[in-house]
Protein backbone atom coordinates (compact mmCIF):
# COMPACT_ATOMS: atom_id res chain seq x y z
CA MET A 1 -2.31 23.46 28.95
CA VAL A 2 -3.22 20.80 26.10
CA LEU A 3 -0.50 19.91 23.46
CA ARG A 4 -1.87 18.11 20.24
CA VAL A 5 0.47 15.97 18.67
CA ALA A 6 0.25 14.24 15.44
CA SER A 7 1.90 11.77 13.40
CA TYR A 8 1.67 11.11 9.74
CA ASN A 9 3.11 9.11 7.14
CA VAL A 10 2.54 11.46 4.12
CA ARG A 11 4.04 8.83 1.71
CA SER A 12 6.59 11.26 0.21
CA MET A 13 3.53 13.58 -1.38
CA LYS A 14 2.88 11.28 -4.23
CA ASP A 15 -0.83 11.28 -4.08
CA ASP A 16 -3.31 14.00 -3.95
CA VAL A 17 -1.51 16.69 -2.69
CA ALA A 18 -4.63 19.02 -1.94
CA ALA A 19 -6.33 16.54 -0.07
CA LEU A 20 -3.17 16.12 2.26
CA GLY A 21 -3.24 19.69 2.71
CA ARG A 22 -6.73 19.54 4.09
CA VAL A 23 -6.13 16.76 6.07
CA ILE A 24 -3.24 18.21 7.57
CA THR A 25 -5.35 21.54 8.66
CA ALA A 26 -8.01 19.34 10.03
CA LEU A 27 -5.41 17.60 11.99
CA ARG A 28 -4.90 21.18 14.36
CA ALA A 29 -1.77 19.55 15.68
CA ASP A 30 0.75 22.16 17.41
CA VAL A 31 3.52 19.50 16.72
CA LEU A 32 3.09 17.30 13.68
CA CYS A 33 5.55 14.39 13.34
CA VAL A 34 5.99 13.50 9.50
CA GLN A 35 6.87 10.22 7.96
CA GLU A 36 8.17 9.84 4.34
CA ALA A 37 8.79 13.26 3.92
CA PRO A 38 10.26 14.64 0.58
CA ARG A 39 13.69 13.57 -0.02
CA PHE A 40 14.55 14.19 -3.52
CA LEU A 41 14.29 17.15 -5.78
CA CYS A 42 13.50 20.44 -4.34
CA TRP A 43 12.62 18.75 -1.06
CA ARG A 44 13.04 22.04 0.89
CA ARG A 45 10.64 23.57 -1.16
CA LYS A 46 7.99 20.83 -0.94
CA ARG A 47 8.81 20.37 2.90
CA GLY A 48 7.91 23.86 3.42
CA LYS A 49 4.59 23.57 1.46
CA LEU A 50 3.51 20.63 3.01
CA ALA A 51 4.06 22.68 6.39
CA ALA A 52 2.41 25.93 5.27
CA SER A 53 -0.61 24.06 3.73
CA GLY A 54 -1.43 23.48 7.47
CA GLY A 55 -0.34 26.73 8.81
CA LEU A 56 2.86 24.80 10.10
CA SER A 57 6.65 25.74 9.55
CA VAL A 58 9.47 23.24 9.44
CA ALA A 59 11.12 22.89 13.06
CA ALA A 60 13.39 19.92 12.46
CA GLY A 61 14.70 17.32 9.85
CA ARG A 62 17.14 16.34 7.25
CA ARG A 63 17.30 15.10 3.70
CA LEU A 64 17.95 11.25 4.55
CA GLY A 65 15.51 9.61 6.45
CA GLY A 66 12.58 11.61 5.14
CA VAL A 67 11.25 12.53 8.78
CA SER A 68 10.38 15.97 9.78
CA VAL A 69 8.88 17.69 12.58
CA LEU A 70 6.55 20.62 12.14
CA ILE A 71 5.03 23.24 14.76
CA GLY A 72 2.28 25.54 14.67
CA PRO A 73 2.18 29.36 15.67
CA GLY A 74 1.10 28.44 19.18
CA VAL A 75 4.31 26.77 20.07
CA ARG A 76 7.89 28.39 20.54
CA LEU A 77 10.56 26.56 19.03
CA LEU A 78 13.79 26.47 20.93
CA HIS A 79 16.08 23.81 19.03
CA GLY A 80 15.99 21.55 16.16
CA GLU A 81 18.04 18.69 15.13
CA GLY A 82 18.32 15.72 12.78
CA HIS A 83 19.92 12.41 13.52
CA LEU A 84 20.93 9.80 10.57
CA LEU A 85 20.58 6.21 12.40
CA LYS A 86 22.72 3.29 12.21
CA PHE A 87 22.72 2.05 7.96
CA PHE A 88 22.30 -1.54 7.88
CA PHE A 89 23.38 -2.64 4.29
CA GLY A 90 20.40 -3.41 1.63
CA LEU A 91 17.89 -1.88 4.10
CA GLU A 92 16.61 2.11 3.70
CA GLN A 93 18.57 4.65 5.69
CA ARG A 94 16.49 5.74 9.06
CA ALA A 95 17.01 8.93 10.78
CA ILE A 96 15.13 10.87 13.73
CA ALA A 97 14.00 14.57 13.37
CA ILE A 98 13.48 16.34 17.13
CA ALA A 99 12.07 19.43 17.91
CA VAL A 100 12.32 21.02 21.51
CA VAL A 101 9.69 23.49 21.95
CA GLU A 102 7.76 25.25 24.83
CA THR A 103 4.54 25.80 25.16
CA GLY A 104 2.31 27.04 28.63
CA GLY A 105 5.88 27.43 30.31
CA GLN A 106 6.34 23.22 29.58
CA ARG A 107 9.37 22.15 27.34
CA VAL A 108 8.59 19.12 24.99
CA ALA A 109 11.51 17.50 22.93
CA VAL A 110 9.22 15.64 20.06
CA GLY A 111 10.85 13.24 18.12
CA SER A 112 9.78 11.93 14.79
CA VAL A 113 10.63 8.15 13.26
CA HIS A 114 9.90 5.80 10.31
CA LEU A 115 11.59 2.53 11.61
CA ASP A 116 12.12 -0.41 9.40
CA LEU A 117 10.27 -3.53 8.14
CA ASP A 118 13.33 -5.56 9.31
CA GLY A 119 12.88 -6.50 12.88
CA ALA A 120 16.32 -6.55 14.22
CA ALA A 121 16.96 -2.95 12.48
CA ARG A 122 13.72 -1.96 13.76
CA LEU A 123 14.74 -2.24 17.56
CA HIS A 124 18.17 -1.21 17.10
CA HIS A 125 16.87 1.96 15.47
CA ALA A 126 14.23 2.06 18.11
CA ALA A 127 16.72 2.22 20.84
CA GLU A 128 19.28 4.63 19.13
CA ALA A 129 16.03 7.18 18.51
CA MET A 130 15.21 7.17 22.40
CA ALA A 131 18.73 7.48 23.36
CA LEU A 132 19.26 10.65 21.25
CA LEU A 133 15.41 12.05 22.15
CA ARG A 134 16.41 11.60 26.04
CA ALA A 135 19.63 13.26 25.08
CA ALA A 136 17.79 16.02 23.62
CA ALA A 137 15.33 16.61 26.37
CA ASP A 138 17.77 16.42 29.06
CA ARG A 139 19.77 19.12 27.43
CA PHE A 140 16.68 21.41 27.67
CA GLY A 141 14.90 20.40 30.53
CA ALA A 142 12.26 19.33 28.38
CA LEU A 143 9.54 16.13 28.91
CA PRO A 144 10.08 13.65 25.68
CA VAL A 145 7.58 12.80 23.23
CA LEU A 146 8.14 10.29 20.42
CA ALA A 147 5.54 9.37 17.68
CA GLY A 148 6.03 7.65 14.23
CA ASP A 149 5.49 4.95 11.78
CA ILE A 150 6.79 2.03 13.90
CA ASN A 151 6.18 -0.55 10.88
CA GLU A 152 4.66 -3.28 13.71
CA GLN A 153 1.91 -3.98 16.35
CA SER A 154 1.50 -3.32 19.97
CA HIS A 155 2.46 -7.14 20.81
CA GLU A 156 5.70 -6.85 19.34
CA PRO A 157 9.17 -6.52 20.42
CA THR A 158 10.27 -2.65 19.41
CA TRP A 159 6.33 -1.67 19.68
CA ARG A 160 7.05 -3.02 23.67
CA TYR A 161 10.37 -1.58 24.07
CA LEU A 162 9.11 1.99 23.53
CA ALA A 163 5.96 1.36 25.63
CA GLU A 164 8.35 0.26 28.45
CA ARG A 165 9.98 3.64 28.17
CA LEU A 166 7.09 5.98 27.40
CA THR A 167 3.49 5.56 27.49
CA ASP A 168 1.66 4.23 24.53
CA CYS A 169 -1.05 6.90 24.56
CA TYR A 170 -3.84 5.25 22.40
CA PRO A 171 -4.89 2.64 25.18
CA VAL A 172 -4.22 5.28 28.23
CA SER A 173 -7.61 7.26 26.54
CA PRO A 174 -8.52 5.84 23.29
CA ARG A 175 -10.69 7.47 20.15
CA GLY A 176 -11.55 5.25 17.59
CA ASP A 177 -10.32 1.81 16.53
CA GLY A 178 -6.53 2.91 16.50
CA ARG A 179 -6.10 1.66 13.25
CA THR A 180 -3.82 3.47 10.91
CA PHE A 181 -2.99 0.71 7.81
CA PRO A 182 -3.91 1.00 4.99
CA ALA A 183 -5.94 3.81 4.60
CA ARG A 184 -8.46 1.91 2.57
CA GLY A 185 -9.84 -0.56 5.09
CA PRO A 186 -7.40 -0.15 7.92
CA ARG A 187 -6.38 -3.49 9.68
CA GLU A 188 -3.25 -2.48 11.71
CA ARG A 189 -2.03 -0.31 14.29
CA ILE A 190 1.47 0.48 13.48
CA ASP A 191 1.41 4.14 13.52
CA GLY A 192 1.87 5.44 17.36
CA ILE A 193 2.78 8.15 19.56
CA PHE A 194 4.49 7.54 22.93
CA ALA A 195 4.87 10.21 25.91
CA ALA A 196 6.60 11.01 29.07
CA ALA A 197 4.94 9.84 32.28
CA GLY A 198 4.42 13.59 33.19
CA PHE A 199 1.97 13.84 30.97
CA SER A 200 -1.93 13.04 31.07
CA VAL A 201 -3.38 11.54 27.99
CA ILE A 202 -6.46 13.42 27.39
CA SER A 203 -7.13 11.20 24.05
CA CYS A 204 -5.60 9.88 21.44
CA GLY A 205 -6.88 8.06 18.08
CA GLY A 206 -7.66 9.11 14.59
CA ALA A 207 -8.80 12.48 13.70
CA GLU A 208 -12.25 14.25 12.49
CA VAL A 209 -11.25 14.33 8.92
CA ASP A 210 -13.31 13.71 5.90
CA PRO A 211 -12.81 10.18 4.81
CA ALA A 212 -12.47 10.96 1.11
CA ASP A 213 -9.66 13.20 1.70
CA LEU A 214 -8.10 10.68 4.30
CA THR A 215 -7.90 8.11 1.40
CA ALA A 216 -6.78 10.31 -1.26
CA ALA A 217 -3.73 11.99 0.84
CA THR A 218 -1.54 8.73 1.47
CA ASP A 219 -1.95 5.34 2.57
CA HIS A 220 -1.72 5.85 6.04
CA LEU A 221 -4.09 7.48 8.51
CA PRO A 222 -2.65 9.98 11.13
CA VAL A 223 -2.71 9.88 14.76
CA VAL A 224 -3.29 12.65 17.10
CA ALA A 225 -2.89 12.81 21.02
CA GLU A 226 -4.04 15.49 23.24
CA LEU A 227 -1.52 15.57 26.23
CA SER A 228 -1.72 17.56 29.18
CA HIS A 229 1.50 18.71 30.67
CA PRO A 230 2.33 19.70 34.17
CA GLY A 231 3.02 23.53 35.09
CA PRO A 232 6.55 24.88 35.14
CA GLY A 233 8.16 23.62 38.44
CA SER A 234 6.65 20.38 38.32
CA ASP A 235 8.88 17.37 39.78
CA ASP A 236 7.60 15.28 37.33
CA HIS A 237 10.23 15.58 34.66
CA VAL A 238 12.94 14.51 37.10
CA GLU A 239 11.49 12.04 38.57
CA TYR A 240 11.11 10.34 34.88
CA VAL A 241 15.05 11.12 33.70
CA GLN A 242 16.34 9.68 36.99
CA GLU A 243 14.47 6.37 36.59
CA ARG A 244 14.99 5.84 33.11
CA ASP A 245 18.69 6.33 33.21
CA GLN A 246 18.96 3.80 35.83
CA GLU A 247 17.51 1.19 33.52
CA GLY A 248 19.71 1.32 30.76
CA PRO A 249 18.70 0.33 27.06
CA ARG A 250 17.54 -2.83 27.95
CA GLY A 251 17.23 -5.21 24.85
CA ALA A 252 18.75 -2.91 22.72
CA LEU A 253 20.99 -4.17 19.97
CA PHE A 254 24.25 -1.68 20.51
CA PRO A 255 27.29 -3.43 19.66
């Protein structure tokens, strides 16, 4: 069974909403992690409209933090939650949205994050998000996947922190050059998808979407990963949890 997970910063739907809807439809995502989801006036209605434009529904998220998880009809929602991350004075409030879904007999906990421009806050929030995602995955016997706008590149500390705990999907089976920002003339890979070792990464990278729609929809390009997961009853999840729990949040900035 192949699970299509996508990540997309939609810039609060401030750009061409029709083009954004066409992009989301073209992604054909089973699970879509959204960053900069609408947060203000009529935010629930706007998020619902965003989801419906691609045949999806809202599974998790809260107003503050601007992150959400949308799911397609091919997966079953078991649980959705949203958590605010530590507030740093002078910086934006950050959050994680987590949806636990089931497909092909396998449970998957998918988290959506949008990390800060400040390096210290970014690393702290990454550690918080990983702990919350791992806790949700463990409660439901699920494999974790984290996706989002990391706001840094793969050689930097926060990206390395995440890649030490989950697999950075793009280098395993890259599709395209991987660059996601800015949408017009992308220079940097700052959006990523990270999956538990129990998954096989079939492909990860850009989507086959009309380039005109991509540049009109928002200032980021989406990322899509095709993940093949083990069947129910596999030992992979148990081994993963035991190994990672023994590591602890090495390098995290928890007080």
